[in-house]
PDB file of N, CA and C in Angstrom:
ATOM      1  N   MET A   1     145.748  55.108 175.029  1.00  0.00           N
ATOM      2  CA  MET A   1     144.669  54.767 176.173  1.00  0.00           C
ATOM      3  C   MET A   1     145.332  55.255 177.367  1.00  0.00           C
ATOM      4  N   LYS A   2     146.574  54.826 177.584  1.00  0.00           N
ATOM      5  CA  LYS A   2     147.289  55.310 179.014  1.00  0.00           C
ATOM      6  C   LYS A   2     147.247  56.713 179.056  1.00  0.00           C
ATOM      7  N   GLU A   3     147.471  57.464 178.020  1.00  0.00           N
ATOM      8  CA  GLU A   3     147.689  58.709 178.329  1.00  0.00           C
ATOM      9  C   GLU A   3     146.293  59.590 178.617  1.00  0.00           C
ATOM     10  N   ARG A   4     145.433  59.154 178.164  1.00  0.00           N
ATOM     11  CA  ARG A   4     144.024  59.323 178.813  1.00  0.00           C
ATOM     12  C   ARG A   4     143.643  59.090 179.644  1.00  0.00           C
ATOM     13  N   ILE A   5     144.203  57.927 180.363  1.00  0.00           N
ATOM     14  CA  ILE A   5     143.776  57.669 181.765  1.00  0.00           C
ATOM     15  C   ILE A   5     144.659  58.261 182.632  1.00  0.00           C
ATOM     16  N   PHE A   6     145.734  58.940 182.582  1.00  0.00           N
ATOM     17  CA  PHE A   6     146.943  59.366 183.689  1.00  0.00           C
ATOM     18  C   PHE A   6     146.601  60.676 183.369  1.00  0.00           C
ATOM     19  N   THR A   7     146.548  61.292 182.478  1.00  0.00           N
ATOM     20  CA  THR A   7     146.645  62.764 182.297  1.00  0.00           C
ATOM     21  C   THR A   7     145.386  63.622 182.186  1.00  0.00           C
ATOM     22  N   ASN A   8     145.337  64.789 182.407  1.00  0.00           N
ATOM     23  CA  ASN A   8     144.325  65.622 182.214  1.00  0.00           C
ATOM     24  C   ASN A   8     142.994  65.664 183.557  1.00  0.00           C
ATOM     25  N   TRP A   9     143.502  65.335 184.721  1.00  0.00           N
ATOM     26  CA  TRP A   9     142.624  64.812 185.756  1.00  0.00           C
ATOM     27  C   TRP A   9     142.177  66.381 186.631  1.00  0.00           C
ATOM     28  N   HIS A  10     141.009  66.800 186.510  1.00  0.00           N
ATOM     29  CA  HIS A  10     140.477  67.935 186.971  1.00  0.00           C
ATOM     30  C   HIS A  10     139.234  67.471 188.222  1.00  0.00           C
ATOM     31  N   PHE A  11     139.159  68.699 188.185  1.00  0.00           N
ATOM     32  CA  PHE A  11     138.117  68.568 189.563  1.00  0.00           C
ATOM     33  C   PHE A  11     136.789  67.865 189.158  1.00  0.00           C
ATOM     34  N   GLN A  12     136.010  68.679 188.126  1.00  0.00           N
ATOM     35  CA  GLN A  12     135.023  67.687 187.557  1.00  0.00           C
ATOM     36  C   GLN A  12     135.107  65.983 186.793  1.00  0.00           C
ATOM     37  N   ARG A  13     136.225  65.625 187.291  1.00  0.00           N
ATOM     38  CA  ARG A  13     136.630  64.162 186.764  1.00  0.00           C
ATOM     39  C   ARG A  13     136.788  63.442 188.115  1.00  0.00           C
ATOM     40  N   PHE A  14     137.259  64.175 188.910  1.00  0.00           N
ATOM     41  CA  PHE A  14     137.154  63.452 190.506  1.00  0.00           C
ATOM     42  C   PHE A  14     135.856  63.390 191.300  1.00  0.00           C
ATOM     43  N   ILE A  15     134.986  64.400 190.586  1.00  0.00           N
ATOM     44  CA  ILE A  15     133.478  64.408 190.717  1.00  0.00           C
ATOM     45  C   ILE A  15     132.831  63.128 190.455  1.00  0.00           C
ATOM     46  N   TYR A  16     133.026  63.055 189.151  1.00  0.00           N
ATOM     47  CA  TYR A  16     132.460  62.008 188.400  1.00  0.00           C
ATOM     48  C   TYR A  16     133.115  60.648 189.088  1.00  0.00           C
ATOM     49  N   LEU A  17     134.217  60.587 189.428  1.00  0.00           N
ATOM     50  CA  LEU A  17     134.569  59.175 189.975  1.00  0.00           C
ATOM     51  C   LEU A  17     134.029  58.931 191.191  1.00  0.00           C
ATOM     52  N   ALA A  18     134.059  59.879 191.854  1.00  0.00           N
ATOM     53  CA  ALA A  18     133.482  59.604 193.304  1.00  0.00           C
ATOM     54  C   ALA A  18     131.844  59.474 192.895  1.00  0.00           C
ATOM     55  N   ILE A  19     131.150  59.983 192.351  1.00  0.00           N
ATOM     56  CA  ILE A  19     129.468  59.691 191.625  1.00  0.00           C
ATOM     57  C   ILE A  19     129.812  58.078 192.016  1.00  0.00           C
ATOM     58  N   GLY A  20     130.547  57.699 190.621  1.00  0.00           N
ATOM     59  CA  GLY A  20     130.361  56.467 190.071  1.00  0.00           C
ATOM     60  C   GLY A  20     130.933  55.080 191.192  1.00  0.00           C
ATOM     61  N   LEU A  21     131.846  55.909 191.718  1.00  0.00           N
ATOM     62  CA  LEU A  21     132.179  54.678 192.940  1.00  0.00           C
ATOM     63  C   LEU A  21     131.257  54.757 193.498  1.00  0.00           C
ATOM     64  N   PHE A  22     130.390  55.840 194.676  1.00  0.00           N
ATOM     65  CA  PHE A  22     129.154  55.967 195.264  1.00  0.00           C
ATOM     66  C   PHE A  22     128.054  54.849 194.503  1.00  0.00           C
ATOM     67  N   PHE A  23     127.985  55.041 193.426  1.00  0.00           N
ATOM     68  CA  PHE A  23     126.691  54.431 192.739  1.00  0.00           C
ATOM     69  C   PHE A  23     127.378  52.886 192.966  1.00  0.00           C
ATOM     70  N   THR A  24     128.329  52.367 192.271  1.00  0.00           N
ATOM     71  CA  THR A  24     128.769  51.202 192.266  1.00  0.00           C
ATOM     72  C   THR A  24     128.939  50.567 193.764  1.00  0.00           C
ATOM     73  N   ALA A  25     129.331  50.970 194.725  1.00  0.00           N
ATOM     74  CA  ALA A  25     129.380  50.524 196.125  1.00  0.00           C
ATOM     75  C   ALA A  25     127.895  50.254 196.604  1.00  0.00           C
ATOM     76  N   TYR A  26     127.117  51.477 196.327  1.00  0.00           N
ATOM     77  CA  TYR A  26     125.792  51.185 196.933  1.00  0.00           C
ATOM     78  C   TYR A  26     125.053  50.127 196.046  1.00  0.00           C
ATOM     79  N   ALA A  27     125.134  49.626 194.811  1.00  0.00           N
ATOM     80  CA  ALA A  27     124.785  48.473 194.241  1.00  0.00           C
ATOM     81  C   ALA A  27     125.349  47.365 194.763  1.00  0.00           C
ATOM     82  N   ILE A  28     126.461  47.215 194.927  1.00  0.00           N
ATOM     83  CA  ILE A  28     126.993  45.841 195.708  1.00  0.00           C
ATOM     84  C   ILE A  28     126.286  45.827 196.981  1.00  0.00           C
ATOM     85  N   ILE A  29     126.594  46.748 197.934  1.00  0.00           N
ATOM     86  CA  ILE A  29     126.148  46.452 199.730  1.00  0.00           C
ATOM     87  C   ILE A  29     124.891  46.203 199.578  1.00  0.00           C
ATOM     88  N   ASP A  30     123.857  46.773 198.781  1.00  0.00           N
ATOM     89  CA  ASP A  30     122.736  46.453 198.803  1.00  0.00           C
ATOM     90  C   ASP A  30     122.013  45.687 197.936  1.00  0.00           C
ATOM     91  N   LYS A  31     122.466  44.932 196.989  1.00  0.00           N
ATOM     92  CA  LYS A  31     122.282  43.963 196.015  1.00  0.00           C
ATOM     93  C   LYS A  31     120.803  45.109 195.279  1.00  0.00           C
ATOM     94  N   ASP A  32     121.520  46.157 195.070  1.00  0.00           N
ATOM     95  CA  ASP A  32     120.543  46.863 194.069  1.00  0.00           C
ATOM     96  C   ASP A  32     120.652  46.868 192.539  1.00  0.00           C
ATOM     97  N   TRP A  33     120.905  45.995 191.488  1.00  0.00           N
ATOM     98  CA  TRP A  33     121.725  45.921 190.687  1.00  0.00           C
ATOM     99  C   TRP A  33     121.419  47.141 189.382  1.00  0.00           C
ATOM    100  N   THR A  34     120.025  48.029 189.766  1.00  0.00           N
ATOM    101  CA  THR A  34     119.925  48.806 189.126  1.00  0.00           C
ATOM    102  C   THR A  34     120.796  50.083 188.939  1.00  0.00           C
ATOM    103  N   ALA A  35     121.395  50.368 190.005  1.00  0.00           N
ATOM    104  CA  ALA A  35     122.072  51.255 190.328  1.00  0.00           C
ATOM    105  C   ALA A  35     123.674  51.063 190.048  1.00  0.00           C
ATOM    106  N   LEU A  36     123.636  49.763 189.413  1.00  0.00           N
ATOM    107  CA  LEU A  36     125.181  49.660 189.131  1.00  0.00           C
ATOM    108  C   LEU A  36     125.416  50.165 187.601  1.00  0.00           C
ATOM    109  N   LEU A  37     124.722  50.188 186.514  1.00  0.00           N
ATOM    110  CA  LEU A  37     124.682  50.417 185.569  1.00  0.00           C
ATOM    111  C   LEU A  37     125.294  52.140 185.559  1.00  0.00           C
ATOM    112  N   PRO A  38     124.473  52.942 186.415  1.00  0.00           N
ATOM    113  CA  PRO A  38     124.855  54.182 186.095  1.00  0.00           C
ATOM    114  C   PRO A  38     126.402  54.193 186.957  1.00  0.00           C
ATOM    115  N   GLY A  39     126.608  53.381 187.743  1.00  0.00           N
ATOM    116  CA  GLY A  39     127.543  53.532 188.745  1.00  0.00           C
ATOM    117  C   GLY A  39     128.846  53.219 187.707  1.00  0.00           C
ATOM    118  N   LEU A  40     128.840  52.520 187.144  1.00  0.00           N
ATOM    119  CA  LEU A  40     129.905  51.823 186.434  1.00  0.00           C
ATOM    120  C   LEU A  40     130.250  53.041 184.984  1.00  0.00           C
ATOM    121  N   TYR A  41     129.075  53.659 184.433  1.00  0.00           N
ATOM    122  CA  TYR A  41     129.330  54.665 183.446  1.00  0.00           C
ATOM    123  C   TYR A  41     129.497  55.572 183.620  1.00  0.00           C
ATOM    124  N   PHE A  42     129.481  56.378 185.127  1.00  0.00           N
ATOM    125  CA  PHE A  42     129.622  57.407 185.339  1.00  0.00           C
ATOM    126  C   PHE A  42     131.436  57.274 185.807  1.00  0.00           C
ATOM    127  N   SER A  43     131.584  56.017 186.291  1.00  0.00           N
ATOM    128  CA  SER A  43     133.112  55.662 186.722  1.00  0.00           C
ATOM    129  C   SER A  43     133.991  55.327 185.646  1.00  0.00           C
ATOM    130  N   SER A  44     133.490  54.659 184.618  1.00  0.00           N
ATOM    131  CA  SER A  44     133.938  54.589 183.522  1.00  0.00           C
ATOM    132  C   SER A  44     134.149  56.088 182.629  1.00  0.00           C
ATOM    133  N   MET A  45     133.227  56.967 182.706  1.00  0.00           N
ATOM    134  CA  MET A  45     133.625  57.974 181.843  1.00  0.00           C
ATOM    135  C   MET A  45     134.604  58.923 182.387  1.00  0.00           C
ATOM    136  N   ALA A  46     134.829  58.853 183.863  1.00  0.00           N
ATOM    137  CA  ALA A  46     135.741  59.648 184.349  1.00  0.00           C
ATOM    138  C   ALA A  46     137.170  58.989 184.299  1.00  0.00           C
ATOM    139  N   ILE A  47     137.337  58.024 184.308  1.00  0.00           N
ATOM    140  CA  ILE A  47     138.402  56.755 184.447  1.00  0.00           C
ATOM    141  C   ILE A  47     139.241  57.480 182.988  1.00  0.00           C
ATOM    142  N   PHE A  48     138.506  56.915 181.784  1.00  0.00           N
ATOM    143  CA  PHE A  48     139.061  56.842 180.383  1.00  0.00           C
ATOM    144  C   PHE A  48     138.647  58.254 179.454  1.00  0.00           C
ATOM    145  N   HIS A  49     137.999  59.439 180.771  1.00  0.00           N
ATOM    146  CA  HIS A  49     137.791  60.607 179.710  1.00  0.00           C
ATOM    147  C   HIS A  49     137.013  60.485 178.650  1.00  0.00           C
ATOM    148  N   PHE A  50     136.156  60.392 178.537  1.00  0.00           N
ATOM    149  CA  PHE A  50     134.878  60.157 177.235  1.00  0.00           C
ATOM    150  C   PHE A  50     133.703  61.109 177.670  1.00  0.00           C
ATOM    151  N   GLY A  51     132.917  61.452 176.994  1.00  0.00           N
ATOM    152  CA  GLY A  51     131.631  62.203 177.178  1.00  0.00           C
ATOM    153  C   GLY A  51     131.918  63.530 177.635  1.00  0.00           C
ATOM    154  N   CYS A  52     130.953  64.145 177.429  1.00  0.00           N
ATOM    155  CA  CYS A  52     130.895  65.632 177.163  1.00  0.00           C
ATOM    156  C   CYS A  52     131.183  66.128 178.887  1.00  0.00           C
ATOM    157  N   ALA A  53     130.599  65.455 179.706  1.00  0.00           N
ATOM    158  CA  ALA A  53     130.666  65.469 180.918  1.00  0.00           C
ATOM    159  C   ALA A  53     131.993  65.515 181.657  1.00  0.00           C
ATOM    160  N   THR A  54     133.046  65.223 180.991  1.00  0.00           N
ATOM    161  CA  THR A  54     134.604  65.252 181.611  1.00  0.00           C
ATOM    162  C   THR A  54     134.840  66.227 180.543  1.00  0.00           C
ATOM    163  N   GLY A  55     134.402  66.919 179.855  1.00  0.00           N
ATOM    164  CA  GLY A  55     135.226  68.026 179.275  1.00  0.00           C
ATOM    165  C   GLY A  55     135.799  67.337 177.710  1.00  0.00           C
ATOM    166  N   GLY A  56     135.671  66.340 177.670  1.00  0.00           N
ATOM    167  CA  GLY A  56     136.265  65.525 176.469  1.00  0.00           C
ATOM    168  C   GLY A  56     135.451  65.764 174.947  1.00  0.00           C
ATOM    169  N   CYS A  57     134.824  66.419 175.025  1.00  0.00           N
ATOM    170  CA  CYS A  57     133.947  66.446 173.920  1.00  0.00           C
ATOM    171  C   CYS A  57     134.998  66.942 172.646  1.00  0.00           C
ATOM    172  N   ALA A  58     136.085  67.571 172.805  1.00  0.00           N
ATOM    173  CA  ALA A  58     137.142  67.745 171.508  1.00  0.00           C
ATOM    174  C   ALA A  58     136.850  66.786 170.550  1.00  0.00           C
ATOM    175  N   ILE A  59     137.293  67.154 169.466  1.00  0.00           N
ATOM    176  CA  ILE A  59     137.390  65.669 168.418  1.00  0.00           C
ATOM    177  C   ILE A  59     138.722  65.393 168.243  1.00  0.00           C
ATOM    178  N   GLN A  60     139.874  66.434 168.217  1.00  0.00           N
ATOM    179  CA  GLN A  60     141.117  66.217 168.755  1.00  0.00           C
ATOM    180  C   GLN A  60     141.299  66.773 169.924  1.00  0.00           C
ATOM    181  N   PRO A  61     142.366  65.715 170.525  1.00  0.00           N
ATOM    182  CA  PRO A  61     142.769  66.438 172.114  1.00  0.00           C
ATOM    183  C   PRO A  61     143.686  67.894 171.923  1.00  0.00           C
ATOM    184  N   GLY A  62     143.061  68.534 172.684  1.00  0.00           N
ATOM    185  CA  GLY A  62     143.273  70.060 173.211  1.00  0.00           C
ATOM    186  C   GLY A  62     142.591  70.931 172.197  1.00  0.00           C
ATOM    187  N   VAL A  63     141.648  70.756 171.311  1.00  0.00           N
ATOM    188  CA  VAL A  63     141.080  71.523 170.503  1.00  0.00           C
ATOM    189  C   VAL A  63     139.628  71.607 171.228  1.00  0.00           C
ATOM    190  N   LYS A  64     139.419  72.643 171.082  1.00  0.00           N
ATOM    191  CA  LYS A  64     137.797  72.884 171.586  1.00  0.00           C
ATOM    192  C   LYS A  64     136.820  73.165 170.558  1.00  0.00           C
ATOM    193  N   ASN A  65     135.899  72.631 170.699  1.00  0.00           N
ATOM    194  CA  ASN A  65     134.753  72.510 169.650  1.00  0.00           C
ATOM    195  C   ASN A  65     134.044  74.037 169.331  1.00  0.00           C
ATOM    196  N   LEU A  66     134.408  74.510 168.180  1.00  0.00           N
ATOM    197  CA  LEU A  66     134.060  75.868 167.971  1.00  0.00           C
ATOM    198  C   LEU A  66     132.670  76.035 167.151  1.00  0.00           C
ATOM    199  N   GLY A  67     132.015  75.296 167.061  1.00  0.00           N
ATOM    200  CA  GLY A  67     131.120  75.472 166.638  1.00  0.00           C
ATOM    201  C   GLY A  67     130.846  75.554 164.852  1.00  0.00           C
ATOM    202  N   LYS A  68     129.738  75.875 164.322  1.00  0.00           N
ATOM    203  CA  LYS A  68     129.575  76.087 163.018  1.00  0.00           C
ATOM    204  C   LYS A  68     130.534  77.588 162.538  1.00  0.00           C
ATOM    205  N   GLU A  69     130.180  78.156 163.377  1.00  0.00           N
ATOM    206  CA  GLU A  69     130.900  79.657 162.775  1.00  0.00           C
ATOM    207  C   GLU A  69     132.397  79.553 162.604  1.00  0.00           C
ATOM    208  N   ALA A  70     133.691  78.447 163.166  1.00  0.00           N
ATOM    209  CA  ALA A  70     134.701  78.342 162.675  1.00  0.00           C
ATOM    210  C   ALA A  70     134.679  77.759 161.259  1.00  0.00           C
ATOM    211  N   ASN A  71     133.971  77.056 160.869  1.00  0.00           N
ATOM    212  CA  ASN A  71     134.012  76.358 159.617  1.00  0.00           C
ATOM    213  C   ASN A  71     133.221  76.853 158.423  1.00  0.00           C
ATOM    214  N   GLN A  72     132.680  78.216 158.767  1.00  0.00           N
ATOM    215  CA  GLN A  72     132.112  78.914 157.690  1.00  0.00           C
ATOM    216  C   GLN A  72     133.341  79.348 156.558  1.00  0.00           C
ATOM    217  N   GLU A  73     132.497  78.800 155.489  1.00  0.00           N
ATOM    218  CA  GLU A  73     133.273  79.815 154.463  1.00  0.00           C
ATOM    219  C   GLU A  73     132.860  80.527 153.349  1.00  0.00           C
ATOM    220  N   THR A  74     133.308  81.654 153.046  1.00  0.00           N
ATOM    221  CA  THR A  74     132.329  82.463 151.806  1.00  0.00           C
ATOM    222  C   THR A  74     132.071  81.725 150.573  1.00  0.00           C
ATOM    223  N   VAL A  75     130.910  81.805 150.222  1.00  0.00           N
ATOM    224  CA  VAL A  75     130.388  81.048 149.062  1.00  0.00           C
ATOM    225  C   VAL A  75     129.984  82.629 147.986  1.00  0.00           C
ATOM    226  N   VAL A  76     130.934  82.298 146.862  1.00  0.00           N
ATOM    227  CA  VAL A  76     130.280  83.175 145.875  1.00  0.00           C
ATOM    228  C   VAL A  76     129.632  82.649 144.414  1.00  0.00           C
ATOM    229  N   PHE A  77     128.625  83.201 144.197  1.00  0.00           N
ATOM    230  CA  PHE A  77     127.466  83.095 143.212  1.00  0.00           C
ATOM    231  C   PHE A  77     127.920  84.058 141.942  1.00  0.00           C
ATOM    232  N   GLU A  78     127.556  82.931 140.876  1.00  0.00           N
ATOM    233  CA  GLU A  78     127.717  83.978 139.759  1.00  0.00           C
ATOM    234  C   GLU A  78     126.186  83.634 139.252  1.00  0.00           C
ATOM    235  N   GLU A  79     125.951  85.051 138.647  1.00  0.00           N
ATOM    236  CA  GLU A  79     124.795  85.285 137.749  1.00  0.00           C
ATOM    237  C   GLU A  79     124.985  84.838 136.665  1.00  0.00           C
ATOM    238  N   ILE A  80     123.572  84.012 136.035  1.00  0.00           N
ATOM    239  CA  ILE A  80     123.513  83.552 134.779  1.00  0.00           C
ATOM    240  C   ILE A  80     122.200  84.064 134.233  1.00  0.00           C
ATOM    241  N   LYS A  81     122.553  84.637 133.082  1.00  0.00           N
ATOM    242  CA  LYS A  81     121.382  85.759 132.759  1.00  0.00           C
ATOM    243  C   LYS A  81     120.506  84.707 131.436  1.00  0.00           C
ATOM    244  N   ASN A  82     119.575  84.629 131.438  1.00  0.00           N
ATOM    245  CA  ASN A  82     118.971  83.843 130.150  1.00  0.00           C
ATOM    246  C   ASN A  82     118.547  84.863 128.781  1.00  0.00           C
ATOM    247  N   LYS A  83     119.272  84.462 127.807  1.00  0.00           N
ATOM    248  CA  LYS A  83     118.771  85.351 126.722  1.00  0.00           C
ATOM    249  C   LYS A  83     117.341  85.156 125.947  1.00  0.00           C
TER     250      LYS A  83
END
């Protein structure tokens, strides 16, 4: 967990943190509690590095999601004839 918080900080993560902190501060100052949920969500996405918005969509750290094409196997069929 400590590694996820302190490593791989990039521009997009800082943007999400700024947006989250803005919404959270806005919600607290104006007592608009509907803005608190998005603020906490964006902040936690940036801090804990989860969600596709921060580039954390890979199943394993450091491995990009290649889609179905990477997992395709050749299937061999055997024809069976009835007599």
